[in-house]
């Protein structure tokens, strides 16, 4: 199976300026995703996609391809499907054969479990469907309407409160997804059937604000032996 690992790192970020290049454990944040990708023996190609020439210079010594994004795929409102559409043009321009599948790795999720991704890859290879690496999350959640809150969990619609262990878990994504390469532009490129692999809780960290990085570094330094196998510095 021909799988391309795609690492998207746009330079613009309003809530956390220069987030993707912020230093984490002594290295730019997006390099953690690159280092992890280089450990995946099933990856046919690793492609770093960005609108920043500064980022491109940082990855120059890495054995990966650089995809210079068009303006269309670099706006605040650009979505994954726009980047995939832009990549398709990049493949054609450089005579690169379309991959069978994509593994999407967000650089804002620096801690990853290698065995979880290998398990997900094996499921994807067998099923030929989307496989998402997920984390369990609190299911006693609420939404709001007209100044009031309402439970999302149907179990809480008849009770004021339930124990966490009595709830069916919810799941969230950040870590990565395997999916078939879309040959046409589609907002629903992940398809209807989506399998999943639950990653360890220790890898459940998504960097959204500057304090997220600082707090995660503090936690890691205090519990390094626990987090060591999820850190990818080289």
Protein backbone atom coordinates (compact mmCIF):
# COMPACT_ATOMS: atom_id res chain seq x y z
CA UNK A 1 0.00 0.00 0.00
CA UNK A 2 1.36 3.39 -1.05
CA UNK A 3 0.83 5.72 1.94
CA UNK A 4 1.90 9.35 2.10
CA UNK A 5 2.22 11.01 5.48
CA UNK A 6 1.04 14.62 5.29
CA UNK A 7 2.17 17.13 7.93
CA UNK A 8 0.31 20.46 7.57
CA UNK A 9 1.88 23.55 9.15
CA UNK A 10 0.48 26.91 8.15
CA UNK A 11 2.48 29.91 9.40
CA UNK A 12 -0.50 32.04 10.42
CA UNK A 13 -2.22 31.57 13.78
CA UNK A 14 -4.31 34.26 15.45
CA UNK A 15 -4.71 32.76 18.94
CA UNK A 16 -1.09 31.63 19.20
CA UNK A 17 1.16 33.47 16.68
CA UNK A 18 3.89 31.25 15.17
CA UNK A 19 2.43 28.25 17.02
CA UNK A 20 3.78 25.58 14.67
CA UNK A 21 7.34 26.83 15.10
CA UNK A 22 7.14 27.43 18.86
CA UNK A 23 9.83 25.62 20.84
CA UNK A 24 8.77 22.42 22.57
CA UNK A 25 11.41 20.42 24.47
CA UNK A 26 14.09 22.37 22.62
CA UNK A 27 12.80 21.87 19.08
CA UNK A 28 10.22 23.57 16.80
CA UNK A 29 6.80 22.07 17.42
CA UNK A 30 6.23 20.72 13.91
CA UNK A 31 9.52 18.81 13.91
CA UNK A 32 8.07 16.41 16.50
CA UNK A 33 5.50 15.25 13.92
CA UNK A 34 8.24 14.91 11.30
CA UNK A 35 10.46 12.86 13.61
CA UNK A 36 7.52 10.60 14.42
CA UNK A 37 6.69 10.15 10.73
CA UNK A 38 10.28 9.11 10.00
CA UNK A 39 9.79 6.16 12.37
CA UNK A 40 6.87 4.76 10.37
CA UNK A 41 8.21 1.98 8.17
CA UNK A 42 4.97 1.82 6.16
CA UNK A 43 5.28 5.43 4.94
CA UNK A 44 6.11 5.64 1.21
CA UNK A 45 6.60 9.42 1.35
CA UNK A 46 6.49 12.15 3.96
CA UNK A 47 5.26 15.53 2.75
CA UNK A 48 5.48 18.73 4.77
CA UNK A 49 2.90 21.20 3.49
CA UNK A 50 3.19 24.89 4.41
CA UNK A 51 2.96 28.44 3.13
CA UNK A 52 6.23 29.36 4.89
CA UNK A 53 9.66 29.34 3.27
CA UNK A 54 11.09 29.81 6.78
CA UNK A 55 9.59 26.47 7.81
CA UNK A 56 10.92 24.92 4.59
CA UNK A 57 14.48 25.89 5.50
CA UNK A 58 14.17 24.19 8.88
CA UNK A 59 13.24 20.84 7.32
CA UNK A 60 15.88 21.05 4.58
CA UNK A 61 18.05 18.30 6.09
CA UNK A 62 15.11 15.96 6.65
CA UNK A 63 14.35 13.23 4.10
CA UNK A 64 10.95 14.62 3.23
CA UNK A 65 9.23 16.57 0.46
CA UNK A 66 8.12 20.17 0.82
CA UNK A 67 4.77 21.22 -0.66
CA UNK A 68 4.54 25.02 -1.02
CA UNK A 69 0.87 25.77 -0.49
CA UNK A 70 -1.08 28.09 -2.72
CA UNK A 71 -3.00 31.04 -1.26
CA UNK A 72 -6.19 29.00 -1.73
CA UNK A 73 -4.93 26.41 0.78
CA UNK A 74 -3.28 28.88 3.21
CA UNK A 75 -6.16 31.09 4.34
CA UNK A 76 -7.63 31.19 7.85
CA UNK A 77 -10.72 29.51 6.45
CA UNK A 78 -8.87 26.81 4.47
CA UNK A 79 -9.75 23.25 5.45
CA UNK A 80 -8.09 19.87 4.99
CA UNK A 81 -10.00 19.25 1.77
CA UNK A 82 -8.49 22.44 0.32
CA UNK A 83 -4.97 21.27 1.18
CA UNK A 84 -5.68 17.86 -0.36
CA UNK A 85 -6.93 19.55 -3.54
CA UNK A 86 -3.75 21.65 -3.62
CA UNK A 87 -1.63 18.54 -3.06
CA UNK A 88 -3.26 16.89 -6.04
CA UNK A 89 -1.98 19.71 -8.26
CA UNK A 90 1.45 19.37 -6.61
CA UNK A 91 1.53 15.67 -7.48
CA UNK A 92 0.64 16.33 -11.10
CA UNK A 93 3.17 19.14 -11.46
CA UNK A 94 6.01 17.01 -10.06
CA UNK A 95 4.98 13.73 -11.74
CA UNK A 96 4.35 12.05 -8.40
CA UNK A 97 2.02 9.09 -8.45
CA UNK A 98 -1.12 9.56 -6.36
CA UNK A 99 -0.93 7.59 -3.10
CA UNK A 100 -3.46 4.93 -2.20
CA UNK A 101 -3.92 6.50 1.20
CA UNK A 102 -2.99 9.42 3.41
CA UNK A 103 -1.93 9.58 7.03
CA UNK A 104 -2.69 13.07 8.32
CA UNK A 105 -0.45 14.22 11.20
CA UNK A 106 -1.19 17.54 12.89
CA UNK A 107 1.92 19.18 14.35
CA UNK A 108 -0.07 20.61 17.27
CA UNK A 109 -0.28 17.11 18.75
CA UNK A 110 3.39 16.49 19.69
CA UNK A 111 3.07 13.28 21.74
CA UNK A 112 2.24 10.12 19.79
CA UNK A 113 2.11 6.40 20.45
CA UNK A 114 3.92 4.38 17.78
CA UNK A 115 2.08 1.12 18.51
CA UNK A 116 -1.32 2.86 18.19
CA UNK A 117 -0.43 4.07 14.70
CA UNK A 118 0.87 0.67 13.66
CA UNK A 119 -2.37 -0.91 14.84
CA UNK A 120 -4.40 1.71 12.94
CA UNK A 121 -2.33 1.12 9.80
CA UNK A 122 -3.03 -2.63 9.92
CA UNK A 123 -6.76 -1.98 10.25
CA UNK A 124 -6.68 0.48 7.37
CA UNK A 125 -4.73 -1.90 5.15
CA UNK A 126 -7.24 -4.67 5.86
CA UNK A 127 -10.48 -2.65 5.76
CA UNK A 128 -9.54 -0.01 3.15
CA UNK A 129 -11.58 2.47 5.20
CA UNK A 130 -10.78 5.47 7.38
CA UNK A 131 -9.12 4.73 10.71
CA UNK A 132 -8.83 7.49 13.29
CA UNK A 133 -6.47 7.59 16.27
CA UNK A 134 -8.64 8.93 19.08
CA UNK A 135 -8.70 9.62 22.81
CA UNK A 136 -11.45 8.95 25.31
CA UNK A 137 -13.01 12.06 26.76
CA UNK A 138 -15.57 13.09 29.37
CA UNK A 139 -19.08 12.21 28.16
CA UNK A 140 -21.06 14.25 30.71
CA UNK A 141 -21.09 17.23 28.38
CA UNK A 142 -23.64 19.95 27.69
CA UNK A 143 -24.61 22.26 24.87
CA UNK A 144 -26.32 25.65 25.27
CA UNK A 145 -29.47 27.19 23.87
CA UNK A 146 -31.23 30.44 24.84
CA UNK A 147 -29.09 30.90 27.95
CA UNK A 148 -29.66 27.35 29.24
CA UNK A 149 -27.55 24.21 29.04
CA UNK A 150 -28.74 20.79 27.90
CA UNK A 151 -26.97 17.42 28.19
CA UNK A 152 -25.52 15.82 25.07
CA UNK A 153 -25.47 12.45 26.79
CA UNK A 154 -28.95 10.89 26.49
CA UNK A 155 -28.42 9.11 29.82
CA UNK A 156 -28.51 12.49 31.55
CA UNK A 157 -31.83 13.58 30.09
CA UNK A 158 -33.70 11.57 32.73
CA UNK A 159 -31.22 12.05 35.59
CA UNK A 160 -29.61 15.10 37.15
CA UNK A 161 -26.23 13.37 37.43
CA UNK A 162 -24.62 10.01 36.64
CA UNK A 163 -21.26 8.49 37.54
CA UNK A 164 -18.49 8.73 34.98
CA UNK A 165 -17.96 4.94 35.01
CA UNK A 166 -21.64 4.45 34.11
CA UNK A 167 -21.35 6.57 30.94
CA UNK A 168 -20.55 5.38 27.47
CA UNK A 169 -17.31 7.14 26.48
CA UNK A 170 -17.05 9.87 23.90
CA UNK A 171 -13.99 10.25 21.70
CA UNK A 172 -12.03 13.17 20.30
CA UNK A 173 -9.49 13.41 17.50
CA UNK A 174 -6.23 15.31 17.13
CA UNK A 175 -3.55 12.69 16.72
CA UNK A 176 -4.00 11.46 13.14
CA UNK A 177 -6.18 9.73 10.56
CA UNK A 178 -5.62 7.16 7.82
CA UNK A 179 -7.91 7.59 4.82
CA UNK A 180 -8.07 6.81 1.13
CA UNK A 181 -6.63 9.55 -1.04
CA UNK A 182 -9.60 11.52 -2.46
CA UNK A 183 -9.31 11.87 -6.23
CA UNK A 184 -12.05 14.52 -6.29
CA UNK A 185 -12.64 17.56 -4.07
CA UNK A 186 -14.85 16.50 -1.18
CA UNK A 187 -15.64 17.90 2.25
CA UNK A 188 -16.51 14.38 3.39
CA UNK A 189 -13.17 12.84 2.37
CA UNK A 190 -13.10 10.59 5.45
CA UNK A 191 -16.14 8.67 4.19
CA UNK A 192 -19.05 7.22 6.14
CA UNK A 193 -17.33 4.24 7.75
CA UNK A 194 -14.67 5.29 10.25
CA UNK A 195 -12.82 2.77 12.38
CA UNK A 196 -10.77 3.89 15.37
CA UNK A 197 -7.88 3.07 17.69
CA UNK A 198 -7.79 4.48 21.21
CA UNK A 199 -4.41 6.01 22.04
CA UNK A 200 -3.00 6.22 25.60
CA UNK A 201 -4.16 9.10 27.79
CA UNK A 202 -0.58 10.35 28.04
CA UNK A 203 -0.70 11.40 24.38
CA UNK A 204 -3.92 13.39 24.76
CA UNK A 205 -2.44 16.88 24.37
CA UNK A 206 -3.39 19.39 21.68
CA UNK A 207 -1.50 22.68 21.58
CA UNK A 208 -3.89 25.58 21.12
CA UNK A 209 -2.49 28.30 23.39
CA UNK A 210 1.01 29.27 24.53
CA UNK A 211 0.33 28.03 28.05
CA UNK A 212 -0.50 24.59 26.66
CA UNK A 213 3.15 24.18 25.68
CA UNK A 214 4.51 25.46 28.97
CA UNK A 215 2.18 23.30 31.05
CA UNK A 216 2.91 20.17 29.02
CA UNK A 217 6.66 20.68 29.38
CA UNK A 218 6.26 20.96 33.16
CA UNK A 219 4.22 17.75 33.31
CA UNK A 220 6.74 15.87 31.14
CA UNK A 221 9.79 17.01 33.12
CA UNK A 222 8.14 15.87 36.36
CA UNK A 223 7.09 12.50 34.87
CA UNK A 224 9.68 11.90 32.17
CA UNK A 225 9.82 8.11 32.54
CA UNK A 226 6.06 7.93 31.86
CA UNK A 227 6.16 10.15 28.78
CA UNK A 228 9.53 9.15 27.33
CA UNK A 229 8.22 6.64 24.76
CA UNK A 230 5.72 9.18 23.39
CA UNK A 231 8.32 11.90 22.75
CA UNK A 232 9.96 12.08 19.32
CA UNK A 233 12.96 14.41 19.36
CA UNK A 234 14.95 12.71 16.59
